[in-house]
Amino acid sequence: MDNQRLILFIVFSFSLLLLWEAWQDKNAPAPSVPATTSAPAAGAPTPSQTLNAPAATAPAQTQTGFAKGLRAVVETDVLRASIDANGGDLRELQLLPYRETEDKNQVFTLFEDTQARPYLAQSGLVGPGLPTHRSVFQLNPGTYRLSGGAVQLEVPLVWVDPATGVRVEKTYVFKRGSYQIAVKTRVINGGTEPIDLTPYYQFTRHGEAPRGESFFLYTYTGPAFYTDAKKFQKVAFKDIQEGKADFEKTADNGWVGLVQHHFVSAWLPEGSVKREYYTRALGDGLYSAGVILAEGTLAPGQQKTFTVPLYAGPQSQSVLEKTAPGLDLARDYGWLTPLAYPIFWSLEKIERIVGNWGWAIIILTILIKLALYPLSAAGYKSMAKMKKLTPRLQQLKESYGDDRAKLHQAMAEMYKTEKINPLGGCLPILIQIPVFIALYWVLLAAVEMRGAPWLGWITDLTAPDPWFILPVLMGITSILQVKLNPQPMDPMQAKIMMIMPVAFTVMFVFFPAGLVLYWVVNNILSIAQQWAINRQVEGGGKPASGKA
């Protein structure tokens, strides 16, 4: 019984840890920001000598905000984007199938060009006399719609240097049904000198969590890098500010992205082009993360075209796996990833059959319970026998008083005589811990369940229960479980065992409804199984399970 209470305490402590992480993330003091820097004035990044690229030359303008010029608004079946002539930046991006967390009537906005919360995708070329993300391109403004039977549309931008004859054409290519946007750059050297082609692609973003992010649901927000050698590497904004960013900076593969709850944006250079990754603290609470490519030298009279895809959309498991190597790791399941993957795979398969994520969670819970039935039945049998022995254990305690050595020796002899494994009662709870944690991360990360209803009042399984019905049911069923278990001999421990379900109920009020639904169903199944085994043991019958 002491071991069983220890396991319950571990579950309780894990729940508290989740809340503590969220509190730290929301309330940690922001790193000091140097007053001498100004984010919008930052020019092209400066590559290191290992990339054999020219030094960057910052543009002369020193505006205090992102300049706004002519714009092209692009509408596809899944995206609404805004491209600005200044730098050819992708300034705004809405994901039409998704809604904001706080206001379900509003379309979800990933990129936005606001002074308070800017988030932009930018690109340019390193080197003197070449356009950066601060240069002004020629752009035909207006609305570009992917209509009729068209499968893609293009938005061209042009930059020309009359003095040197260099022409740069940047073209955005959008495709039907896709969150991937190709950024095609064509450089024509009409001058008399060779040009070093060193394009860069970056994200510039504020360092705050997404709008509507729950205080009690901690998720990572920040840059991420992937290379074949180092795999998935997260770099926190505060580490960038403090100069402690640690990640692989040079490679001939990989990608750079920005991760937030349910969504990710990533520049995905193709092939084995030599590249250098970087991060910068720009001041004013803004940061950039990007990649610089070495595309070689362009001789006079020659031209070259290179394309880098940009993915900006949901962290859909199947889509990320098909888009780029390692991009699926942006959907972070934590240290229980090996268990979380099959759980989500099973959930997805069941949902395809029943057509509802809530019922899929219930069916998966039943299947997990059936799979673990032999172990849990053995545990419940031990608990039932322990409950039957409670009066005799109480007599032993009264007989030996404070002599704990003799008390434990007498209890051990009694367990041996009655063929009871005192650790057997830990199994039902111990088995649930990794499943509970893995399912927690699955439900937290699964954008497929974003806005997915179950029935009635549950309209979003990734959000807390708005009417607190599931948490209350979980509390009631937890109390019933405690009543079915052997009662502690220590009155104080007995009170603690009764308080814990109440504490769990309060915490689960802030957890995703899907997770609470799993716990309620699991509790109900456990109560039915334990009640049946208790009746068999008390009546002298033999449960279907093996030895405890």
Protein backbone atom coordinates (compact mmCIF):
# COMPACT_ATOMS: atom_id res chain seq x y z
CA MET A 1 0.00 0.00 0.00
CA ASP A 2 2.86 2.39 0.73
CA ASN A 3 4.16 1.69 -2.79
CA GLN A 4 0.74 2.31 -4.30
CA ARG A 5 0.49 5.66 -2.58
CA LEU A 6 3.98 6.44 -3.86
CA ILE A 7 2.83 5.83 -7.45
CA LEU A 8 -0.22 8.04 -6.92
CA PHE A 9 2.07 10.72 -5.56
CA ILE A 10 4.26 10.43 -8.69
CA VAL A 11 1.23 11.02 -10.94
CA PHE A 12 0.19 13.93 -8.76
CA SER A 13 3.72 15.36 -8.89
CA PHE A 14 3.83 15.05 -12.68
CA SER A 15 0.63 17.06 -12.97
CA LEU A 16 2.10 19.72 -10.68
CA LEU A 17 5.25 19.74 -12.82
CA LEU A 18 3.21 20.52 -15.93
CA LEU A 19 1.61 23.48 -14.17
CA TRP A 20 5.00 24.64 -12.84
CA GLU A 21 6.53 24.59 -16.33
CA ALA A 22 3.65 26.66 -17.62
CA TRP A 23 3.99 29.15 -14.77
CA GLN A 24 7.73 29.53 -15.34
CA ASP A 25 7.24 30.03 -19.06
CA LYS A 26 4.63 32.72 -18.51
CA ASN A 27 6.25 34.51 -15.59
CA ALA A 28 9.99 34.18 -16.14
CA PRO A 29 11.66 37.62 -16.32
CA ALA A 30 12.32 38.67 -19.88
CA PRO A 31 16.01 38.91 -20.84
CA SER A 32 17.40 42.40 -21.02
CA VAL A 33 17.23 43.89 -24.48
CA PRO A 34 20.06 46.18 -25.59
CA ALA A 35 18.71 49.65 -26.17
CA THR A 36 21.12 50.35 -29.03
CA THR A 37 19.65 47.86 -31.48
CA SER A 38 16.68 48.36 -33.73
CA ALA A 39 15.17 45.34 -35.34
CA PRO A 40 13.74 46.81 -38.52
CA ALA A 41 17.08 48.48 -39.36
CA ALA A 42 18.91 45.14 -39.39
CA GLY A 43 20.23 44.30 -42.83
CA ALA A 44 21.31 41.07 -44.45
CA PRO A 45 22.98 38.49 -42.23
CA THR A 46 26.76 38.16 -42.27
CA PRO A 47 28.03 34.71 -43.24
CA SER A 48 31.20 33.33 -41.72
CA GLN A 49 34.37 32.77 -43.74
CA THR A 50 33.66 29.04 -43.86
CA LEU A 51 30.88 29.72 -46.38
CA ASN A 52 33.25 31.62 -48.71
CA ALA A 53 30.69 34.38 -49.05
CA PRO A 54 31.08 38.18 -49.18
CA ALA A 55 30.40 40.28 -46.11
CA ALA A 56 26.89 41.67 -45.82
CA THR A 57 26.25 45.32 -46.37
CA ALA A 58 23.41 46.75 -44.33
CA PRO A 59 21.05 49.10 -46.21
CA ALA A 60 21.26 52.77 -45.43
CA GLN A 61 17.68 53.31 -44.31
CA THR A 62 17.03 53.36 -40.55
CA GLN A 63 13.25 53.32 -40.34
CA THR A 64 11.79 52.40 -36.97
CA GLY A 65 9.13 50.05 -38.36
CA PHE A 66 8.72 47.61 -41.19
CA ALA A 67 8.17 49.72 -44.29
CA LYS A 68 4.90 49.08 -46.09
CA GLY A 69 4.48 49.44 -49.82
CA LEU A 70 2.54 47.97 -52.72
CA ARG A 71 1.05 44.59 -51.89
CA ALA A 72 -0.20 41.49 -53.61
CA VAL A 73 -2.90 39.54 -51.81
CA VAL A 74 -3.02 35.85 -52.71
CA GLU A 75 -6.03 33.64 -52.10
CA THR A 76 -5.97 29.86 -52.52
CA ASP A 77 -8.29 27.22 -51.14
CA VAL A 78 -6.24 26.95 -47.91
CA LEU A 79 -4.22 30.19 -47.67
CA ARG A 80 -4.62 33.94 -47.76
CA ALA A 81 -1.22 35.65 -48.09
CA SER A 82 0.05 39.21 -48.38
CA ILE A 83 3.33 39.98 -50.14
CA ASP A 84 4.93 43.42 -49.78
CA ALA A 85 7.11 45.11 -52.39
CA ASN A 86 9.55 46.01 -49.60
CA GLY A 87 11.98 43.11 -49.67
CA GLY A 88 9.39 40.90 -51.33
CA ASP A 89 8.51 39.79 -47.79
CA LEU A 90 5.65 37.44 -47.02
CA ARG A 91 4.04 39.75 -44.47
CA GLU A 92 0.72 38.11 -43.65
CA LEU A 93 -0.52 34.53 -43.85
CA GLN A 94 -3.88 33.15 -42.80
CA LEU A 95 -4.65 29.43 -42.71
CA LEU A 96 -8.26 29.30 -43.88
CA PRO A 97 -9.27 25.85 -42.48
CA TYR A 98 -8.25 26.85 -38.93
CA ARG A 99 -9.68 29.26 -36.37
CA GLU A 100 -8.17 31.35 -33.60
CA THR A 101 -8.18 29.85 -30.11
CA GLU A 102 -9.83 32.84 -28.45
CA ASP A 103 -12.34 33.66 -31.20
CA LYS A 104 -13.60 30.73 -33.24
CA ASN A 105 -15.15 33.14 -35.76
CA GLN A 106 -11.73 34.47 -36.77
CA VAL A 107 -9.47 32.72 -39.29
CA PHE A 108 -6.15 31.69 -37.78
CA THR A 109 -3.30 34.08 -38.61
CA LEU A 110 0.25 32.69 -38.64
CA PHE A 111 2.25 35.58 -40.16
CA GLU A 112 1.22 39.12 -39.38
CA ASP A 113 2.64 42.56 -40.04
CA THR A 114 1.75 44.41 -36.85
CA GLN A 115 3.92 46.54 -34.64
CA ALA A 116 3.07 44.54 -31.52
CA ARG A 117 3.41 40.96 -32.87
CA PRO A 118 5.31 40.90 -36.19
CA TYR A 119 6.05 37.55 -37.78
CA LEU A 120 7.44 37.61 -41.32
CA ALA A 121 9.15 35.35 -43.86
CA GLN A 122 11.99 37.20 -45.59
CA SER A 123 14.70 36.52 -48.17
CA GLY A 124 17.46 38.37 -49.95
CA LEU A 125 21.01 38.21 -51.27
CA VAL A 126 24.21 38.88 -49.34
CA GLY A 127 26.75 41.23 -50.88
CA PRO A 128 27.10 44.80 -52.16
CA GLY A 129 24.81 45.88 -54.97
CA LEU A 130 22.31 43.07 -54.39
CA PRO A 131 18.77 43.26 -52.99
CA THR A 132 18.17 42.40 -49.34
CA HIS A 133 14.89 42.07 -47.46
CA ARG A 134 15.01 45.89 -47.21
CA SER A 135 15.18 46.56 -50.92
CA VAL A 136 12.09 47.67 -52.85
CA PHE A 137 10.91 45.37 -55.64
CA GLN A 138 8.60 46.11 -58.53
CA LEU A 139 5.25 44.46 -57.91
CA ASN A 140 1.86 44.53 -59.59
CA PRO A 141 -0.49 45.10 -56.63
CA GLY A 142 -3.90 43.57 -56.34
CA THR A 143 -5.60 40.27 -55.55
CA TYR A 144 -4.37 37.02 -57.07
CA ARG A 145 -6.90 34.19 -56.81
CA LEU A 146 -6.40 30.51 -57.50
CA SER A 147 -9.73 30.01 -59.23
CA GLY A 148 -11.32 27.68 -61.71
CA GLY A 149 -9.37 24.55 -62.47
CA ALA A 150 -5.95 26.14 -61.92
CA VAL A 151 -3.58 24.08 -59.78
CA GLN A 152 -1.08 26.86 -59.09
CA LEU A 153 -0.53 30.59 -59.41
CA GLU A 154 2.59 32.76 -59.45
CA VAL A 155 3.29 36.21 -58.06
CA PRO A 156 6.37 37.79 -59.71
CA LEU A 157 8.54 40.56 -58.25
CA VAL A 158 11.47 42.28 -59.98
CA TRP A 159 14.49 44.28 -58.77
CA VAL A 160 16.91 45.96 -61.17
CA ASP A 161 20.15 47.88 -60.53
CA PRO A 162 20.49 50.34 -63.45
CA ALA A 163 24.10 51.03 -62.52
CA THR A 164 25.33 47.44 -62.82
CA GLY A 165 22.67 45.82 -64.98
CA VAL A 166 21.95 43.13 -62.38
CA ARG A 167 18.36 41.90 -62.42
CA VAL A 168 16.76 39.78 -59.70
CA GLU A 169 13.37 38.15 -60.19
CA LYS A 170 11.66 36.69 -57.14
CA THR A 171 8.56 34.58 -57.78
CA TYR A 172 6.18 33.09 -55.22
CA VAL A 173 4.49 29.88 -56.39
CA PHE A 174 1.30 28.77 -54.62
CA LYS A 175 -0.37 25.39 -55.21
CA ARG A 176 -3.91 24.22 -54.63
CA GLY A 177 -4.46 22.39 -51.36
CA SER A 178 -0.89 23.00 -50.20
CA TYR A 179 0.70 24.91 -47.33
CA GLN A 180 4.02 24.82 -49.15
CA ILE A 181 5.05 27.93 -51.08
CA ALA A 182 7.97 27.84 -53.50
CA VAL A 183 10.17 30.96 -53.54
CA LYS A 184 11.96 30.97 -56.90
CA THR A 185 14.82 33.43 -57.42
CA ARG A 186 16.35 34.16 -60.83
CA VAL A 187 19.48 36.29 -61.00
CA ILE A 188 20.65 37.75 -64.33
CA ASN A 189 24.13 39.28 -64.38
CA GLY A 190 23.92 42.00 -66.98
CA GLY A 191 27.03 43.71 -65.63
CA THR A 192 30.75 43.33 -66.28
CA GLU A 193 31.81 41.81 -62.95
CA PRO A 194 31.13 38.33 -61.54
CA ILE A 195 28.59 38.03 -58.71
CA ASP A 196 28.84 35.79 -55.67
CA LEU A 197 25.39 34.27 -55.22
CA THR A 198 24.72 33.95 -51.50
CA PRO A 199 20.97 34.00 -50.89
CA TYR A 200 19.53 33.93 -47.39
CA TYR A 201 16.11 33.00 -46.05
CA GLN A 202 14.91 33.94 -42.60
CA PHE A 203 12.01 34.40 -40.24
CA THR A 204 11.63 37.51 -38.12
CA ARG A 205 9.31 37.12 -35.16
CA HIS A 206 8.45 38.53 -31.76
CA GLY A 207 9.46 36.38 -28.80
CA GLU A 208 6.02 35.91 -27.25
CA ALA A 209 3.84 32.82 -27.13
CA PRO A 210 0.94 32.62 -29.63
CA ARG A 211 -2.30 34.38 -28.86
CA GLY A 212 -4.72 32.33 -26.80
CA GLU A 213 -2.00 30.03 -25.44
CA SER A 214 -3.27 28.57 -22.18
CA PHE A 215 -1.37 29.32 -19.00
CA PHE A 216 -1.63 25.68 -17.95
CA LEU A 217 -0.61 24.06 -21.26
CA TYR A 218 3.08 24.61 -21.80
CA THR A 219 4.27 24.26 -25.40
CA TYR A 220 7.52 25.34 -27.04
CA THR A 221 7.62 28.51 -29.10
CA GLY A 222 10.83 29.41 -30.89
CA PRO A 223 13.37 28.58 -33.63
CA ALA A 224 14.33 25.03 -34.52
CA PHE A 225 17.03 23.62 -36.77
CA TYR A 226 17.44 20.21 -38.34
CA THR A 227 20.52 18.56 -39.84
CA ASP A 228 21.32 14.93 -40.54
CA ALA A 229 24.11 14.99 -37.96
CA LYS A 230 22.45 16.77 -35.03
CA LYS A 231 18.81 16.06 -35.87
CA PHE A 232 16.15 18.30 -34.32
CA GLN A 233 17.56 21.21 -32.29
CA LYS A 234 15.44 23.78 -30.45
CA VAL A 235 16.90 27.21 -29.68
CA ALA A 236 15.00 29.30 -27.12
CA PHE A 237 14.58 33.03 -27.69
CA LYS A 238 16.17 33.78 -24.33
CA ASP A 239 19.28 31.80 -25.34
CA ILE A 240 19.55 33.87 -28.50
CA GLN A 241 19.25 37.08 -26.49
CA GLU A 242 21.91 35.94 -24.02
CA GLY A 243 24.28 34.67 -26.72
CA LYS A 244 23.92 31.05 -25.59
CA ALA A 245 22.31 29.61 -28.72
CA ASP A 246 23.81 26.17 -29.32
CA PHE A 247 23.09 24.40 -32.62
CA GLU A 248 24.91 23.08 -35.68
CA LYS A 249 25.68 26.13 -37.80
CA THR A 250 27.19 24.66 -41.00
CA ALA A 251 26.00 21.71 -43.06
CA ASP A 252 25.04 20.68 -46.56
CA ASN A 253 21.54 19.59 -45.57
CA GLY A 254 18.67 20.42 -43.22
CA TRP A 255 16.26 23.26 -42.63
CA VAL A 256 15.41 26.14 -40.30
CA GLY A 257 11.99 26.70 -38.81
CA LEU A 258 9.90 28.48 -36.21
CA VAL A 259 7.73 26.26 -34.04
CA GLN A 260 4.63 27.16 -32.07
CA HIS A 261 1.64 25.27 -30.73
CA HIS A 262 0.03 23.25 -33.56
CA PHE A 263 1.85 25.15 -36.36
CA VAL A 264 5.30 25.45 -37.90
CA SER A 265 6.99 27.49 -40.61
CA ALA A 266 10.21 26.27 -42.20
CA TRP A 267 12.59 27.19 -45.01
CA LEU A 268 13.49 23.91 -46.71
CA PRO A 269 16.57 24.23 -48.96
CA GLU A 270 16.84 21.27 -51.31
CA GLY A 271 19.86 19.30 -52.47
CA SER A 272 23.31 19.31 -50.88
CA VAL A 273 24.04 23.03 -51.23
CA LYS A 274 26.48 24.26 -48.60
CA ARG A 275 24.60 26.30 -46.02
CA GLU A 276 25.03 28.19 -42.77
CA TYR A 277 22.37 28.58 -40.09
CA TYR A 278 22.13 31.62 -37.85
CA THR A 279 20.06 33.39 -35.20
CA ARG A 280 20.04 37.08 -34.28
CA ALA A 281 18.56 39.13 -31.45
CA LEU A 282 17.34 42.24 -33.25
CA GLY A 283 16.23 44.30 -30.28
CA ASP A 284 12.74 45.55 -29.44
CA GLY A 285 11.81 41.97 -28.48
CA LEU A 286 12.33 40.65 -32.02
CA TYR A 287 14.47 37.78 -33.25
CA SER A 288 15.45 36.24 -36.56
CA ALA A 289 16.49 32.73 -37.50
CA GLY A 290 17.59 31.75 -40.96
CA VAL A 291 19.89 30.02 -43.39
CA ILE A 292 22.48 31.32 -45.87
CA LEU A 293 23.22 29.29 -49.02
CA ALA A 294 26.34 29.20 -51.19
CA GLU A 295 25.10 29.10 -54.80
CA GLY A 296 28.48 29.82 -56.38
CA THR A 297 29.64 32.60 -58.73
CA LEU A 298 27.64 34.06 -61.60
CA ALA A 299 29.78 35.33 -64.48
CA PRO A 300 28.82 38.40 -66.57
CA GLY A 301 26.11 37.63 -69.09
CA GLN A 302 24.97 34.50 -67.25
CA GLN A 303 21.86 33.75 -65.21
CA LYS A 304 20.90 31.23 -62.53
CA THR A 305 17.67 30.16 -60.90
CA PHE A 306 17.34 28.57 -57.45
CA THR A 307 14.22 27.65 -55.52
CA VAL A 308 13.68 27.19 -51.78
CA PRO A 309 10.32 25.85 -50.57
CA LEU A 310 8.63 27.48 -47.60
CA TYR A 311 6.26 25.38 -45.51
CA ALA A 312 3.91 27.41 -43.32
CA GLY A 313 1.02 25.47 -41.92
CA PRO A 314 -0.30 22.95 -39.40
CA GLN A 315 1.82 20.31 -37.70
CA SER A 316 -0.12 17.56 -39.44
CA GLN A 317 1.75 14.30 -38.89
CA SER A 318 1.27 12.87 -42.39
CA VAL A 319 1.95 16.17 -44.17
CA LEU A 320 5.15 16.92 -42.24
CA GLU A 321 6.53 13.43 -42.89
CA LYS A 322 6.05 13.86 -46.65
CA THR A 323 7.32 17.45 -46.86
CA ALA A 324 10.95 17.20 -45.68
CA PRO A 325 13.21 14.86 -43.68
CA GLY A 326 12.90 15.53 -39.97
CA LEU A 327 10.12 18.09 -40.31
CA ASP A 328 7.76 15.76 -38.46
CA LEU A 329 9.97 16.25 -35.38
CA ALA A 330 8.59 19.78 -35.11
CA ARG A 331 5.60 18.02 -33.60
CA ASP A 332 7.31 17.37 -30.30
CA TYR A 333 6.03 14.48 -28.16
CA GLY A 334 8.80 14.79 -25.58
CA TRP A 335 10.80 11.89 -24.17
CA LEU A 336 7.96 9.39 -24.66
CA THR A 337 7.92 9.79 -28.45
CA PRO A 338 8.31 6.00 -29.05
CA LEU A 339 5.06 5.44 -27.15
CA ALA A 340 3.29 8.57 -28.40
CA TYR A 341 3.68 7.71 -32.09
CA PRO A 342 1.77 4.39 -31.93
CA ILE A 343 -0.87 6.00 -29.71
CA PHE A 344 -1.55 8.71 -32.30
CA TRP A 345 -1.35 6.19 -35.15
CA SER A 346 -4.00 4.10 -33.42
CA LEU A 347 -6.17 7.12 -32.68
CA GLU A 348 -5.99 8.24 -36.30
CA LYS A 349 -6.95 4.81 -37.64
CA ILE A 350 -9.90 4.54 -35.24
CA GLU A 351 -11.06 8.08 -36.07
CA ARG A 352 -11.16 7.23 -39.76
CA ILE A 353 -13.60 4.43 -38.94
CA VAL A 354 -15.85 6.17 -36.40
CA GLY A 355 -15.51 9.71 -37.74
CA ASN A 356 -15.11 11.35 -34.32
CA TRP A 357 -11.95 11.95 -32.28
CA GLY A 358 -13.82 11.76 -28.97
CA TRP A 359 -15.19 8.29 -29.67
CA ALA A 360 -11.75 7.33 -30.99
CA ILE A 361 -10.26 8.25 -27.59
CA ILE A 362 -12.89 6.16 -25.80
CA ILE A 363 -12.33 3.14 -28.06
CA LEU A 364 -8.54 3.43 -27.71
CA THR A 365 -8.92 3.57 -23.92
CA ILE A 366 -10.95 0.35 -24.00
CA LEU A 367 -8.38 -1.34 -26.26
CA ILE A 368 -5.51 -0.29 -23.97
CA LYS A 369 -7.46 -1.58 -20.98
CA LEU A 370 -8.02 -4.93 -22.69
CA ALA A 371 -4.36 -5.20 -23.69
CA LEU A 372 -3.25 -4.57 -20.12
CA TYR A 373 -6.01 -6.64 -18.54
CA PRO A 374 -3.84 -9.54 -17.28
CA LEU A 375 -1.43 -7.20 -15.48
CA SER A 376 -4.11 -4.91 -14.09
CA ALA A 377 -6.25 -7.88 -12.99
CA ALA A 378 -3.32 -9.29 -11.04
CA GLY A 379 -2.85 -5.91 -9.40
CA TYR A 380 -6.52 -5.55 -8.50
CA LYS A 381 -6.53 -9.09 -7.07
CA SER A 382 -3.66 -8.12 -4.75
CA MET A 383 -5.51 -4.97 -3.73
CA ALA A 384 -8.69 -6.95 -3.05
CA LYS A 385 -6.79 -9.38 -0.84
CA MET A 386 -5.11 -6.48 0.93
CA LYS A 387 -8.51 -4.93 1.59
CA LYS A 388 -9.72 -8.24 3.05
CA LEU A 389 -6.69 -8.31 5.35
CA THR A 390 -7.10 -4.70 6.53
CA PRO A 391 -8.75 -5.63 9.90
CA ARG A 392 -5.97 -8.13 10.67
CA LEU A 393 -3.29 -5.59 9.67
CA GLN A 394 -4.93 -3.07 11.99
CA GLN A 395 -4.72 -5.64 14.84
CA LEU A 396 -1.01 -6.13 14.14
CA LYS A 397 -0.45 -2.40 14.33
CA GLU A 398 -2.23 -2.23 17.68
CA SER A 399 -0.26 -5.25 18.97
CA TYR A 400 3.22 -3.97 18.10
CA GLY A 401 2.60 -0.26 18.67
CA ASP A 402 5.66 1.79 17.76
CA ASP A 403 7.93 -1.22 17.15
CA ARG A 404 7.99 -0.80 13.36
CA ALA A 405 10.65 -3.52 12.81
CA LYS A 406 8.51 -6.23 14.39
CA LEU A 407 5.37 -4.82 12.72
CA HIS A 408 6.90 -5.04 9.25
CA GLN A 409 8.24 -8.53 9.98
CA ALA A 410 4.79 -9.71 11.07
CA MET A 411 3.18 -8.11 8.01
CA ALA A 412 5.71 -9.82 5.72
CA GLU A 413 4.92 -13.19 7.28
CA MET A 414 1.20 -12.59 6.84
CA TYR A 415 1.71 -11.65 3.15
CA LYS A 416 3.75 -14.82 2.65
CA THR A 417 1.15 -17.01 4.35
CA GLU A 418 -1.73 -15.49 2.37
CA LYS A 419 0.35 -15.52 -0.88
CA ILE A 420 -0.06 -11.79 -1.43
CA ASN A 421 2.38 -9.59 -3.33
CA PRO A 422 2.18 -6.18 -1.61
CA LEU A 423 3.67 -4.58 -4.74
CA GLY A 424 0.97 -6.10 -6.95
CA GLY A 425 -1.44 -3.25 -6.26
CA CYS A 426 1.03 -0.80 -7.82
CA LEU A 427 0.72 -2.32 -11.29
CA PRO A 428 -2.61 -0.74 -12.37
CA ILE A 429 -1.32 2.75 -11.61
CA LEU A 430 2.30 2.17 -12.63
CA ILE A 431 1.24 0.93 -16.07
CA GLN A 432 -0.93 4.00 -16.64
CA ILE A 433 1.81 6.57 -15.97
CA PRO A 434 3.68 6.34 -19.32
CA VAL A 435 0.39 5.99 -21.23
CA PHE A 436 -1.02 9.04 -19.44
CA ILE A 437 2.08 11.17 -20.16
CA ALA A 438 2.33 10.04 -23.80
CA LEU A 439 -1.37 10.65 -24.40
CA TYR A 440 -1.03 14.07 -22.78
CA TRP A 441 1.58 15.07 -25.36
CA VAL A 442 -0.38 13.50 -28.20
CA LEU A 443 -3.53 15.45 -27.37
CA LEU A 444 -1.51 18.61 -26.81
CA ALA A 445 0.35 18.33 -30.13
CA ALA A 446 -2.37 16.89 -32.38
CA VAL A 447 -3.51 19.74 -34.61
CA GLU A 448 -5.86 17.20 -36.21
CA MET A 449 -8.00 17.52 -33.06
CA ARG A 450 -7.92 21.33 -33.03
CA GLY A 451 -11.55 22.38 -32.97
CA ALA A 452 -12.67 18.73 -33.15
CA PRO A 453 -15.92 18.15 -31.22
CA TRP A 454 -16.98 15.09 -29.29
CA LEU A 455 -20.62 15.59 -28.35
CA GLY A 456 -22.81 18.29 -26.79
CA TRP A 457 -20.79 20.77 -24.84
CA ILE A 458 -17.36 19.46 -25.91
CA THR A 459 -16.64 21.40 -29.12
CA ASP A 460 -12.84 21.23 -28.99
CA LEU A 461 -11.02 18.20 -27.56
CA THR A 462 -7.72 20.12 -27.34
CA ALA A 463 -9.29 22.79 -25.11
CA PRO A 464 -10.45 22.47 -21.47
CA ASP A 465 -14.01 21.38 -20.78
CA PRO A 466 -15.98 24.68 -20.74
CA TRP A 467 -18.55 23.33 -18.29
CA PHE A 468 -16.11 21.32 -16.08
CA ILE A 469 -18.34 18.25 -16.41
CA LEU A 470 -15.55 15.82 -17.33
CA PRO A 471 -13.21 16.99 -14.53
CA VAL A 472 -16.02 16.57 -11.99
CA LEU A 473 -16.80 13.09 -13.30
CA MET A 474 -13.11 12.27 -13.08
CA GLY A 475 -13.06 13.44 -9.45
CA ILE A 476 -16.14 11.36 -8.55
CA THR A 477 -14.77 8.21 -10.20
CA SER A 478 -11.39 8.75 -8.52
CA ILE A 479 -13.08 8.91 -5.13
CA LEU A 480 -14.95 5.69 -5.90
CA GLN A 481 -11.65 4.04 -6.76
CA VAL A 482 -10.18 5.12 -3.43
CA LYS A 483 -13.22 3.64 -1.66
CA LEU A 484 -12.68 0.31 -3.41
CA ASN A 485 -9.01 0.21 -2.43
CA PRO A 486 -7.71 -0.98 0.96
CA GLN A 487 -7.82 1.92 3.41
CA PRO A 488 -4.52 3.08 4.95
CA MET A 489 -4.06 2.22 8.62
CA ASP A 490 -2.75 5.72 9.28
CA PRO A 491 -5.69 8.19 9.60
CA MET A 492 -3.58 11.01 8.15
CA GLN A 493 -2.71 8.92 5.09
CA ALA A 494 -6.38 8.04 4.69
CA LYS A 495 -7.27 11.75 4.60
CA ILE A 496 -4.54 12.42 2.05
CA MET A 497 -5.87 9.62 -0.16
CA MET A 498 -9.29 11.31 -0.13
CA ILE A 499 -7.87 14.77 -0.79
CA MET A 500 -5.84 13.70 -3.84
CA PRO A 501 -8.89 13.08 -6.12
CA VAL A 502 -10.12 16.57 -5.26
CA ALA A 503 -6.71 18.05 -6.10
CA PHE A 504 -6.64 16.09 -9.36
CA THR A 505 -10.07 17.44 -10.24
CA VAL A 506 -8.93 21.03 -9.79
CA MET A 507 -5.85 20.50 -11.96
CA PHE A 508 -7.71 18.60 -14.69
CA VAL A 509 -10.05 21.56 -15.11
CA PHE A 510 -7.23 23.15 -17.13
CA PHE A 511 -6.21 20.05 -19.11
CA PRO A 512 -7.46 19.23 -22.65
CA ALA A 513 -10.94 17.72 -22.63
CA GLY A 514 -9.66 14.76 -24.65
CA LEU A 515 -7.17 13.86 -21.93
CA VAL A 516 -9.79 14.13 -19.17
CA LEU A 517 -12.14 12.02 -21.30
CA TYR A 518 -9.49 9.29 -21.45
CA TRP A 519 -9.01 9.42 -17.68
CA VAL A 520 -12.75 9.29 -16.94
CA VAL A 521 -13.29 6.28 -19.21
CA ASN A 522 -10.23 4.56 -17.77
CA ASN A 523 -11.51 5.19 -14.23
CA ILE A 524 -14.93 3.73 -15.06
CA LEU A 525 -13.39 0.60 -16.58
CA SER A 526 -11.02 0.25 -13.61
CA ILE A 527 -13.89 0.59 -11.13
CA ALA A 528 -15.90 -2.11 -12.92
CA GLN A 529 -12.91 -4.45 -13.04
CA GLN A 530 -11.90 -3.83 -9.43
CA TRP A 531 -15.48 -4.17 -8.15
CA ALA A 532 -15.87 -7.54 -9.91
CA ILE A 533 -12.56 -8.83 -8.55
CA ASN A 534 -13.37 -7.58 -5.03
CA ARG A 535 -16.63 -9.56 -5.09
CA GLN A 536 -14.84 -12.68 -6.25
CA VAL A 537 -12.13 -12.43 -3.57
CA GLU A 538 -14.58 -11.58 -0.80
CA GLY A 539 -16.84 -14.46 -1.88
CA GLY A 540 -13.96 -16.91 -2.02
CA GLY A 541 -14.11 -17.20 -5.80
CA LYS A 542 -11.09 -17.19 -8.06
CA PRO A 543 -10.71 -14.32 -10.53
CA ALA A 544 -9.99 -15.07 -14.14
CA SER A 545 -6.52 -13.59 -13.79
CA GLY A 546 -3.48 -15.55 -12.73
CA LYS A 547 -1.55 -15.34 -9.52
CA ALA A 548 -1.02 -11.95 -7.93
